[in-house]
Full PDB file with SEQRES, HELIX, SHEET, SSBOND, CRYST1, ORIGX, SCALE, CONECT and MASTER records, all heavy atoms in Angstrom:
SEQRES   1 A   34  MET PHE LYS LYS LEU ASN ASN ILE GLY ASP CYS GLY ILE          
SEQRES   2 A   34  VAL CYS ASP PHE GLY ASN GLU VAL ASN ARG GLU ILE ASN          
SEQRES   3 A   34  SER TYR VAL ILE LYS LEU PHE HIS                              
HELIX    1 AA1 ARG A   23  PHE A   33  1                                  11    
SHEET    1 AA1 2 LYS A   4  ASN A   7  0                                        
SHEET    2 AA1 2 ILE A  13  ASP A  16 -1                                        
CRYST1    1.000    1.000    1.000  90.00  90.00  90.00 P 1           1          
ORIGX1      1.000000  0.000000  0.000000        0.00000                         
ORIGX2      0.000000  1.000000  0.000000        0.00000                         
ORIGX3      0.000000  0.000000  1.000000        0.00000                         
SCALE1      1.000000  0.000000  0.000000        0.00000                         
SCALE2      0.000000  1.000000  0.000000        0.00000                         
SCALE3      0.000000  0.000000  1.000000        0.00000                         
ATOM      1  N   MET A   1       0.840  -1.185   0.000  1.00  0.00           N  
ATOM      2  CA  MET A   1       0.000   0.000   0.000  1.00  0.00           C  
ATOM      3  C   MET A   1       0.881   1.243   0.000  1.00  0.00           C  
ATOM      4  O   MET A   1       1.925   1.240  -0.608  1.00  0.00           O  
ATOM      5  CB  MET A   1      -0.927  -0.010   1.210  1.00  0.00           C  
ATOM      6  CG  MET A   1      -2.075  -1.021   1.174  1.00  0.00           C  
ATOM      7  SD  MET A   1      -3.291  -0.790  -0.115  1.00  0.00           S  
ATOM      8  CE  MET A   1      -4.074   0.706   0.331  1.00  0.00           C  
ATOM      9  N   PHE A   2       0.441   2.262   0.737  1.00  0.00           N  
ATOM     10  CA  PHE A   2       1.192   3.505   0.664  1.00  0.00           C  
ATOM     11  C   PHE A   2       2.446   3.448   1.535  1.00  0.00           C  
ATOM     12  O   PHE A   2       2.538   2.684   2.470  1.00  0.00           O  
ATOM     13  CB  PHE A   2       0.324   4.729   0.982  1.00  0.00           C  
ATOM     14  CG  PHE A   2      -0.344   4.744   2.323  1.00  0.00           C  
ATOM     15  CD1 PHE A   2       0.298   5.264   3.418  1.00  0.00           C  
ATOM     16  CD2 PHE A   2      -1.630   4.278   2.467  1.00  0.00           C  
ATOM     17  CE1 PHE A   2      -0.316   5.307   4.646  1.00  0.00           C  
ATOM     18  CE2 PHE A   2      -2.264   4.311   3.683  1.00  0.00           C  
ATOM     19  CZ  PHE A   2      -1.606   4.820   4.776  1.00  0.00           C  
ATOM     20  N   LYS A   3       3.407   4.294   1.170  1.00  0.00           N  
ATOM     21  CA  LYS A   3       4.705   4.282   1.828  1.00  0.00           C  
ATOM     22  C   LYS A   3       4.796   5.277   2.968  1.00  0.00           C  
ATOM     23  O   LYS A   3       5.458   5.022   3.957  1.00  0.00           O  
ATOM     24  CB  LYS A   3       5.812   4.556   0.815  1.00  0.00           C  
ATOM     25  CG  LYS A   3       5.907   3.470  -0.224  1.00  0.00           C  
ATOM     26  CD  LYS A   3       7.070   3.670  -1.133  1.00  0.00           C  
ATOM     27  CE  LYS A   3       7.084   2.523  -2.128  1.00  0.00           C  
ATOM     28  NZ  LYS A   3       8.374   2.226  -2.623  1.00  0.00           N  
ATOM     29  N   LYS A   4       4.150   6.437   2.809  1.00  0.00           N  
ATOM     30  CA  LYS A   4       4.208   7.478   3.834  1.00  0.00           C  
ATOM     31  C   LYS A   4       2.849   8.130   4.000  1.00  0.00           C  
ATOM     32  O   LYS A   4       2.069   8.208   3.057  1.00  0.00           O  
ATOM     33  CB  LYS A   4       5.212   8.568   3.444  1.00  0.00           C  
ATOM     34  CG  LYS A   4       6.646   8.157   3.459  1.00  0.00           C  
ATOM     35  CD  LYS A   4       7.549   9.355   3.245  1.00  0.00           C  
ATOM     36  CE  LYS A   4       7.682   9.625   1.771  1.00  0.00           C  
ATOM     37  NZ  LYS A   4       8.626  10.709   1.462  1.00  0.00           N  
ATOM     38  N   LEU A   5       2.612   8.607   5.202  1.00  0.00           N  
ATOM     39  CA  LEU A   5       1.417   9.373   5.512  1.00  0.00           C  
ATOM     40  C   LEU A   5       1.909  10.683   6.123  1.00  0.00           C  
ATOM     41  O   LEU A   5       2.559  10.671   7.164  1.00  0.00           O  
ATOM     42  CB  LEU A   5       0.541   8.607   6.509  1.00  0.00           C  
ATOM     43  CG  LEU A   5      -0.822   9.155   6.820  1.00  0.00           C  
ATOM     44  CD1 LEU A   5      -1.703   9.163   5.581  1.00  0.00           C  
ATOM     45  CD2 LEU A   5      -1.489   8.328   7.900  1.00  0.00           C  
ATOM     46  N   ASN A   6       1.641  11.805   5.458  1.00  0.00           N  
ATOM     47  CA  ASN A   6       2.151  13.104   5.906  1.00  0.00           C  
ATOM     48  C   ASN A   6       1.023  14.099   6.086  1.00  0.00           C  
ATOM     49  O   ASN A   6       0.057  14.095   5.326  1.00  0.00           O  
ATOM     50  CB  ASN A   6       3.125  13.679   4.865  1.00  0.00           C  
ATOM     51  CG  ASN A   6       4.360  12.839   4.704  1.00  0.00           C  
ATOM     52  OD1 ASN A   6       4.966  12.413   5.664  1.00  0.00           O  
ATOM     53  ND2 ASN A   6       4.734  12.595   3.460  1.00  0.00           N  
ATOM     54  N   ASN A   7       1.180  14.974   7.083  1.00  0.00           N  
ATOM     55  CA  ASN A   7       0.252  16.088   7.254  1.00  0.00           C  
ATOM     56  C   ASN A   7       0.557  17.139   6.204  1.00  0.00           C  
ATOM     57  O   ASN A   7       1.717  17.370   5.866  1.00  0.00           O  
ATOM     58  CB  ASN A   7       0.415  16.731   8.629  1.00  0.00           C  
ATOM     59  CG  ASN A   7      -0.130  15.891   9.733  1.00  0.00           C  
ATOM     60  OD1 ASN A   7      -1.010  15.079   9.525  1.00  0.00           O  
ATOM     61  ND2 ASN A   7       0.392  16.069  10.926  1.00  0.00           N  
ATOM     62  N   ILE A   8      -0.483  17.787   5.714  1.00  0.00           N  
ATOM     63  CA  ILE A   8      -0.316  18.977   4.883  1.00  0.00           C  
ATOM     64  C   ILE A   8      -1.178  20.067   5.503  1.00  0.00           C  
ATOM     65  O   ILE A   8      -2.381  20.101   5.347  1.00  0.00           O  
ATOM     66  CB  ILE A   8      -0.668  18.745   3.399  1.00  0.00           C  
ATOM     67  CG1 ILE A   8      -2.039  18.133   3.228  1.00  0.00           C  
ATOM     68  CG2 ILE A   8       0.374  17.928   2.706  1.00  0.00           C  
ATOM     69  CD1 ILE A   8      -2.533  18.107   1.796  1.00  0.00           C  
ATOM     70  N   GLY A   9      -0.562  20.892   6.273  1.00  0.00           N  
ATOM     71  CA  GLY A   9      -1.290  21.930   6.990  1.00  0.00           C  
ATOM     72  C   GLY A   9      -2.079  21.336   8.148  1.00  0.00           C  
ATOM     73  O   GLY A   9      -1.814  20.223   8.602  1.00  0.00           O  
ATOM     74  N   ASP A  10      -3.053  22.105   8.619  1.00  0.00           N  
ATOM     75  CA  ASP A  10      -3.860  21.682   9.753  1.00  0.00           C  
ATOM     76  C   ASP A  10      -4.970  20.710   9.387  1.00  0.00           C  
ATOM     77  O   ASP A  10      -5.416  19.938  10.224  1.00  0.00           O  
ATOM     78  CB  ASP A  10      -4.517  22.896  10.421  1.00  0.00           C  
ATOM     79  CG  ASP A  10      -3.525  23.783  11.123  1.00  0.00           C  
ATOM     80  OD1 ASP A  10      -2.401  23.313  11.382  1.00  0.00           O  
ATOM     81  OD2 ASP A  10      -3.873  24.944  11.403  1.00  0.00           O  
ATOM     82  N   CYS A  11      -5.424  20.773   8.148  1.00  0.00           N  
ATOM     83  CA  CYS A  11      -6.635  20.029   7.827  1.00  0.00           C  
ATOM     84  C   CYS A  11      -6.473  19.098   6.633  1.00  0.00           C  
ATOM     85  O   CYS A  11      -7.409  18.911   5.855  1.00  0.00           O  
ATOM     86  CB  CYS A  11      -7.787  20.983   7.605  1.00  0.00           C  
ATOM     87  SG  CYS A  11      -7.509  22.151   6.273  1.00  0.00           S  
ATOM     88  N   GLY A  12      -5.309  18.482   6.509  1.00  0.00           N  
ATOM     89  CA  GLY A  12      -5.146  17.557   5.407  1.00  0.00           C  
ATOM     90  C   GLY A  12      -3.996  16.591   5.615  1.00  0.00           C  
ATOM     91  O   GLY A  12      -3.079  16.850   6.395  1.00  0.00           O  
ATOM     92  N   ILE A  13      -4.085  15.474   4.923  1.00  0.00           N  
ATOM     93  CA  ILE A  13      -3.014  14.485   4.917  1.00  0.00           C  
ATOM     94  C   ILE A  13      -2.785  14.009   3.487  1.00  0.00           C  
ATOM     95  O   ILE A  13      -3.662  14.111   2.641  1.00  0.00           O  
ATOM     96  CB  ILE A  13      -3.308  13.274   5.833  1.00  0.00           C  
ATOM     97  CG1 ILE A  13      -4.620  12.594   5.443  1.00  0.00           C  
ATOM     98  CG2 ILE A  13      -3.304  13.658   7.290  1.00  0.00           C  
ATOM     99  CD1 ILE A  13      -4.893  11.302   6.211  1.00  0.00           C  
ATOM    100  N   VAL A  14      -1.581  13.505   3.247  1.00  0.00           N  
ATOM    101  CA  VAL A  14      -1.236  12.929   1.951  1.00  0.00           C  
ATOM    102  C   VAL A  14      -0.864  11.473   2.166  1.00  0.00           C  
ATOM    103  O   VAL A  14       0.011  11.161   2.979  1.00  0.00           O  
ATOM    104  CB  VAL A  14      -0.041  13.653   1.303  1.00  0.00           C  
ATOM    105  CG1 VAL A  14       0.375  12.964   0.012  1.00  0.00           C  
ATOM    106  CG2 VAL A  14      -0.356  15.094   1.043  1.00  0.00           C  
ATOM    107  N   CYS A  15      -1.528  10.589   1.463  1.00  0.00           N  
ATOM    108  CA  CYS A  15      -1.151   9.174   1.422  1.00  0.00           C  
ATOM    109  C   CYS A  15      -0.224   9.038   0.227  1.00  0.00           C  
ATOM    110  O   CYS A  15      -0.658   9.158  -0.923  1.00  0.00           O  
ATOM    111  CB  CYS A  15      -2.383   8.298   1.244  1.00  0.00           C  
ATOM    112  SG  CYS A  15      -3.616   8.492   2.524  1.00  0.00           S  
ATOM    113  N   ASP A  16       1.041   8.811   0.491  1.00  0.00           N  
ATOM    114  CA  ASP A  16       2.072   8.796  -0.549  1.00  0.00           C  
ATOM    115  C   ASP A  16       2.427   7.354  -0.885  1.00  0.00           C  
ATOM    116  O   ASP A  16       2.858   6.598  -0.025  1.00  0.00           O  
ATOM    117  CB  ASP A  16       3.295   9.556  -0.038  1.00  0.00           C  
ATOM    118  CG  ASP A  16       4.341   9.783  -1.094  1.00  0.00           C  
ATOM    119  OD1 ASP A  16       4.347   9.068  -2.110  1.00  0.00           O  
ATOM    120  OD2 ASP A  16       5.172  10.687  -0.889  1.00  0.00           O  
ATOM    121  N   PHE A  17       2.260   6.995  -2.131  1.00  0.00           N  
ATOM    122  CA  PHE A  17       2.528   5.636  -2.588  1.00  0.00           C  
ATOM    123  C   PHE A  17       3.904   5.500  -3.225  1.00  0.00           C  
ATOM    124  O   PHE A  17       4.216   4.484  -3.817  1.00  0.00           O  
ATOM    125  CB  PHE A  17       1.449   5.199  -3.584  1.00  0.00           C  
ATOM    126  CG  PHE A  17       0.111   4.950  -2.946  1.00  0.00           C  
ATOM    127  CD1 PHE A  17      -0.711   6.004  -2.591  1.00  0.00           C  
ATOM    128  CD2 PHE A  17      -0.322   3.662  -2.693  1.00  0.00           C  
ATOM    129  CE1 PHE A  17      -1.947   5.783  -2.005  1.00  0.00           C  
ATOM    130  CE2 PHE A  17      -1.563   3.427  -2.105  1.00  0.00           C  
ATOM    131  CZ  PHE A  17      -2.368   4.491  -1.760  1.00  0.00           C  
ATOM    132  N   GLY A  18       4.741   6.522  -3.120  1.00  0.00           N  
ATOM    133  CA  GLY A  18       6.094   6.473  -3.658  1.00  0.00           C  
ATOM    134  C   GLY A  18       6.274   7.421  -4.823  1.00  0.00           C  
ATOM    135  O   GLY A  18       5.363   8.145  -5.216  1.00  0.00           O  
ATOM    136  N   ASN A  19       7.480   7.418  -5.385  1.00  0.00           N  
ATOM    137  CA  ASN A  19       7.820   8.360  -6.450  1.00  0.00           C  
ATOM    138  C   ASN A  19       7.537   7.841  -7.851  1.00  0.00           C  
ATOM    139  O   ASN A  19       7.486   8.618  -8.792  1.00  0.00           O  
ATOM    140  CB  ASN A  19       9.299   8.739  -6.354  1.00  0.00           C  
ATOM    141  CG  ASN A  19       9.580   9.534  -5.098  1.00  0.00           C  
ATOM    142  OD1 ASN A  19       8.740  10.290  -4.639  1.00  0.00           O  
ATOM    143  ND2 ASN A  19      10.746   9.349  -4.527  1.00  0.00           N  
ATOM    144  N   GLU A  20       7.381   6.554  -7.997  1.00  0.00           N  
ATOM    145  CA  GLU A  20       7.123   5.995  -9.317  1.00  0.00           C  
ATOM    146  C   GLU A  20       5.713   6.324  -9.787  1.00  0.00           C  
ATOM    147  O   GLU A  20       4.795   6.460  -8.985  1.00  0.00           O  
ATOM    148  CB  GLU A  20       7.276   4.476  -9.300  1.00  0.00           C  
ATOM    149  CG  GLU A  20       8.690   3.993  -9.322  1.00  0.00           C  
ATOM    150  CD  GLU A  20       8.740   2.488  -9.514  1.00  0.00           C  
ATOM    151  OE1 GLU A  20       8.196   1.994 -10.517  1.00  0.00           O  
ATOM    152  OE2 GLU A  20       9.312   1.838  -8.634  1.00  0.00           O  
ATOM    153  N   VAL A  21       5.575   6.432 -11.089  1.00  0.00           N  
ATOM    154  CA  VAL A  21       4.260   6.614 -11.705  1.00  0.00           C  
ATOM    155  C   VAL A  21       4.065   5.444 -12.661  1.00  0.00           C  
ATOM    156  O   VAL A  21       4.736   5.341 -13.683  1.00  0.00           O  
ATOM    157  CB  VAL A  21       4.171   7.955 -12.460  1.00  0.00           C  
ATOM    158  CG1 VAL A  21       2.852   8.064 -13.190  1.00  0.00           C  
ATOM    159  CG2 VAL A  21       4.363   9.113 -11.505  1.00  0.00           C  
ATOM    160  N   ASN A  22       3.180   4.521 -12.281  1.00  0.00           N  
ATOM    161  CA  ASN A  22       2.861   3.394 -13.153  1.00  0.00           C  
ATOM    162  C   ASN A  22       1.445   2.917 -12.848  1.00  0.00           C  
ATOM    163  O   ASN A  22       0.811   3.378 -11.895  1.00  0.00           O  
ATOM    164  CB  ASN A  22       3.903   2.269 -13.026  1.00  0.00           C  
ATOM    165  CG  ASN A  22       4.008   1.707 -11.624  1.00  0.00           C  
ATOM    166  OD1 ASN A  22       2.997   1.394 -10.996  1.00  0.00           O  
ATOM    167  ND2 ASN A  22       5.237   1.556 -11.132  1.00  0.00           N  
ATOM    168  N   ARG A  23       0.949   2.007 -13.647  1.00  0.00           N  
ATOM    169  CA  ARG A  23      -0.441   1.546 -13.488  1.00  0.00           C  
ATOM    170  C   ARG A  23      -0.686   0.833 -12.173  1.00  0.00           C  
ATOM    171  O   ARG A  23      -1.750   0.968 -11.577  1.00  0.00           O  
ATOM    172  CB  ARG A  23      -0.818   0.629 -14.639  1.00  0.00           C  
ATOM    173  CG  ARG A  23      -1.039   1.368 -15.910  1.00  0.00           C  
ATOM    174  CD  ARG A  23      -1.536   0.460 -16.980  1.00  0.00           C  
ATOM    175  NE  ARG A  23      -1.770   1.254 -18.183  1.00  0.00           N  
ATOM    176  CZ  ARG A  23      -2.276   0.767 -19.270  1.00  0.00           C  
ATOM    177  NH1 ARG A  23      -2.604  -0.510 -19.339  1.00  0.00           N  
ATOM    178  NH2 ARG A  23      -2.463   1.540 -20.311  1.00  0.00           N  
ATOM    179  N   GLU A  24       0.267   0.054 -11.706  1.00  0.00           N  
ATOM    180  CA  GLU A  24       0.084  -0.689 -10.457  1.00  0.00           C  
ATOM    181  C   GLU A  24      -0.074   0.263  -9.278  1.00  0.00           C  
ATOM    182  O   GLU A  24      -1.011   0.120  -8.482  1.00  0.00           O  
ATOM    183  CB  GLU A  24       1.271  -1.623 -10.225  1.00  0.00           C  
ATOM    184  CG  GLU A  24       1.121  -2.450  -8.965  1.00  0.00           C  
ATOM    185  CD  GLU A  24       2.311  -3.361  -8.712  1.00  0.00           C  
ATOM    186  OE1 GLU A  24       3.349  -3.221  -9.392  1.00  0.00           O  
ATOM    187  OE2 GLU A  24       2.185  -4.193  -7.815  1.00  0.00           O  
ATOM    188  N   ILE A  25       0.806   1.242  -9.168  1.00  0.00           N  
ATOM    189  CA  ILE A  25       0.710   2.212  -8.072  1.00  0.00           C  
ATOM    190  C   ILE A  25      -0.570   3.020  -8.201  1.00  0.00           C  
ATOM    191  O   ILE A  25      -1.283   3.242  -7.220  1.00  0.00           O  
ATOM    192  CB  ILE A  25       1.957   3.113  -8.035  1.00  0.00           C  
ATOM    193  CG1 ILE A  25       3.154   2.287  -7.555  1.00  0.00           C  
ATOM    194  CG2 ILE A  25       1.737   4.323  -7.144  1.00  0.00           C  
ATOM    195  CD1 ILE A  25       4.482   3.000  -7.597  1.00  0.00           C  
ATOM    196  N   ASN A  26      -0.892   3.448  -9.422  1.00  0.00           N  
ATOM    197  CA  ASN A  26      -2.113   4.216  -9.618  1.00  0.00           C  
ATOM    198  C   ASN A  26      -3.347   3.409  -9.242  1.00  0.00           C  
ATOM    199  O   ASN A  26      -4.308   3.947  -8.692  1.00  0.00           O  
ATOM    200  CB  ASN A  26      -2.216   4.719 -11.063  1.00  0.00           C  
ATOM    201  CG  ASN A  26      -3.407   5.603 -11.259  1.00  0.00           C  
ATOM    202  OD1 ASN A  26      -4.359   5.218 -11.930  1.00  0.00           O  
ATOM    203  ND2 ASN A  26      -3.367   6.787 -10.679  1.00  0.00           N  
ATOM    204  N   SER A  27      -3.326   2.096  -9.487  1.00  0.00           N  
ATOM    205  CA  SER A  27      -4.480   1.269  -9.113  1.00  0.00           C  
ATOM    206  C   SER A  27      -4.652   1.221  -7.598  1.00  0.00           C  
ATOM    207  O   SER A  27      -5.775   1.201  -7.103  1.00  0.00           O  
ATOM    208  CB  SER A  27      -4.367  -0.135  -9.691  1.00  0.00           C  
ATOM    209  OG  SER A  27      -3.383  -0.890  -9.040  1.00  0.00           O  
ATOM    210  N   TYR A  28      -3.553   1.244  -6.836  1.00  0.00           N  
ATOM    211  CA  TYR A  28      -3.652   1.300  -5.376  1.00  0.00           C  
ATOM    212  C   TYR A  28      -4.266   2.624  -4.926  1.00  0.00           C  
ATOM    213  O   TYR A  28      -5.102   2.657  -4.023  1.00  0.00           O  
ATOM    214  CB  TYR A  28      -2.284   1.134  -4.719  1.00  0.00           C  
ATOM    215  CG  TYR A  28      -1.673  -0.231  -4.858  1.00  0.00           C  
ATOM    216  CD1 TYR A  28      -0.349  -0.382  -5.251  1.00  0.00           C  
ATOM    217  CD2 TYR A  28      -2.404  -1.385  -4.586  1.00  0.00           C  
ATOM    218  CE1 TYR A  28       0.231  -1.638  -5.368  1.00  0.00           C  
ATOM    219  CE2 TYR A  28      -1.836  -2.639  -4.709  1.00  0.00           C  
ATOM    220  CZ  TYR A  28      -0.523  -2.758  -5.102  1.00  0.00           C  
ATOM    221  OH  TYR A  28       0.042  -4.000  -5.221  1.00  0.00           O  
ATOM    222  N   VAL A  29      -3.842   3.717  -5.557  1.00  0.00           N  
ATOM    223  CA  VAL A  29      -4.392   5.036  -5.226  1.00  0.00           C  
ATOM    224  C   VAL A  29      -5.896   5.048  -5.495  1.00  0.00           C  
ATOM    225  O   VAL A  29      -6.686   5.476  -4.651  1.00  0.00           O  
ATOM    226  CB  VAL A  29      -3.692   6.149  -6.046  1.00  0.00           C  
ATOM    227  CG1 VAL A  29      -4.385   7.492  -5.835  1.00  0.00           C  
ATOM    228  CG2 VAL A  29      -2.219   6.243  -5.684  1.00  0.00           C  
ATOM    229  N   ILE A  30      -6.300   4.550  -6.655  1.00  0.00           N  
ATOM    230  CA  ILE A  30      -7.712   4.560  -7.031  1.00  0.00           C  
ATOM    231  C   ILE A  30      -8.539   3.647  -6.128  1.00  0.00           C  
ATOM    232  O   ILE A  30      -9.670   3.986  -5.749  1.00  0.00           O  
ATOM    233  CB  ILE A  30      -7.878   4.186  -8.518  1.00  0.00           C  
ATOM    234  CG1 ILE A  30      -7.168   5.213  -9.407  1.00  0.00           C  
ATOM    235  CG2 ILE A  30      -9.342   4.048  -8.901  1.00  0.00           C  
ATOM    236  CD1 ILE A  30      -7.609   6.642  -9.211  1.00  0.00           C  
ATOM    237  N   LYS A  31      -7.986   2.506  -5.730  1.00  0.00           N  
ATOM    238  CA  LYS A  31      -8.699   1.613  -4.805  1.00  0.00           C  
ATOM    239  C   LYS A  31      -8.936   2.293  -3.469  1.00  0.00           C  
ATOM    240  O   LYS A  31     -10.034   2.208  -2.899  1.00  0.00           O  
ATOM    241  CB  LYS A  31      -7.922   0.316  -4.603  1.00  0.00           C  
ATOM    242  CG  LYS A  31      -8.020  -0.640  -5.754  1.00  0.00           C  
ATOM    243  CD  LYS A  31      -7.181  -1.878  -5.503  1.00  0.00           C  
ATOM    244  CE  LYS A  31      -7.116  -2.742  -6.748  1.00  0.00           C  
ATOM    245  NZ  LYS A  31      -6.251  -3.907  -6.578  1.00  0.00           N  
ATOM    246  N   LEU A  32      -7.907   2.977  -2.937  1.00  0.00           N  
ATOM    247  CA  LEU A  32      -8.074   3.687  -1.675  1.00  0.00           C  
ATOM    248  C   LEU A  32      -9.071   4.831  -1.833  1.00  0.00           C  
ATOM    249  O   LEU A  32      -9.909   5.051  -0.955  1.00  0.00           O  
ATOM    250  CB  LEU A  32      -6.728   4.208  -1.165  1.00  0.00           C  
ATOM    251  CG  LEU A  32      -6.758   4.938   0.172  1.00  0.00           C  
ATOM    252  CD1 LEU A  32      -7.348   4.064   1.286  1.00  0.00           C  
ATOM    253  CD2 LEU A  32      -5.363   5.407   0.548  1.00  0.00           C  
ATOM    254  N   PHE A  33      -9.010   5.533  -2.955  1.00  0.00           N  
ATOM    255  CA  PHE A  33      -9.955   6.609  -3.244  1.00  0.00           C  
ATOM    256  C   PHE A  33     -11.394   6.090  -3.208  1.00  0.00           C  
ATOM    257  O   PHE A  33     -12.262   6.665  -2.547  1.00  0.00           O  
ATOM    258  CB  PHE A  33      -9.639   7.224  -4.613  1.00  0.00           C  
ATOM    259  CG  PHE A  33     -10.694   8.150  -5.121  1.00  0.00           C  
ATOM    260  CD1 PHE A  33     -10.795   9.445  -4.647  1.00  0.00           C  
ATOM    261  CD2 PHE A  33     -11.595   7.732  -6.091  1.00  0.00           C  
ATOM    262  CE1 PHE A  33     -11.766  10.310  -5.125  1.00  0.00           C  
ATOM    263  CE2 PHE A  33     -12.572   8.586  -6.576  1.00  0.00           C  
ATOM    264  CZ  PHE A  33     -12.659   9.877  -6.085  1.00  0.00           C  
ATOM    265  N   HIS A  34     -11.664   4.980  -3.892  1.00  0.00           N  
ATOM    266  CA  HIS A  34     -13.025   4.432  -3.933  1.00  0.00           C  
ATOM    267  C   HIS A  34     -13.462   3.902  -2.567  1.00  0.00           C  
ATOM    268  O   HIS A  34     -14.635   4.040  -2.194  1.00  0.00           O  
ATOM    269  CB  HIS A  34     -13.141   3.346  -5.000  1.00  0.00           C  
ATOM    270  CG  HIS A  34     -13.165   3.896  -6.387  1.00  0.00           C  
ATOM    271  ND1 HIS A  34     -14.177   4.694  -6.868  1.00  0.00           N  
ATOM    272  CD2 HIS A  34     -12.290   3.782  -7.403  1.00  0.00           C  
ATOM    273  CE1 HIS A  34     -13.930   5.044  -8.106  1.00  0.00           C  
ATOM    274  NE2 HIS A  34     -12.774   4.497  -8.462  1.00  0.00           N  
TER     275      HIS A  34                                                      
MASTER        0    0    0    1    2    0    0    6  274    1    0    3          
END                                                                             
């Protein structure tokens, strides 16, 4: 799944799946989104 969870300001977080951009990583992002 994701590699890092970071705060962005007071009211947000970023679920970071790494630096690569490919279909497999994007599918993990989309699954978590849904």
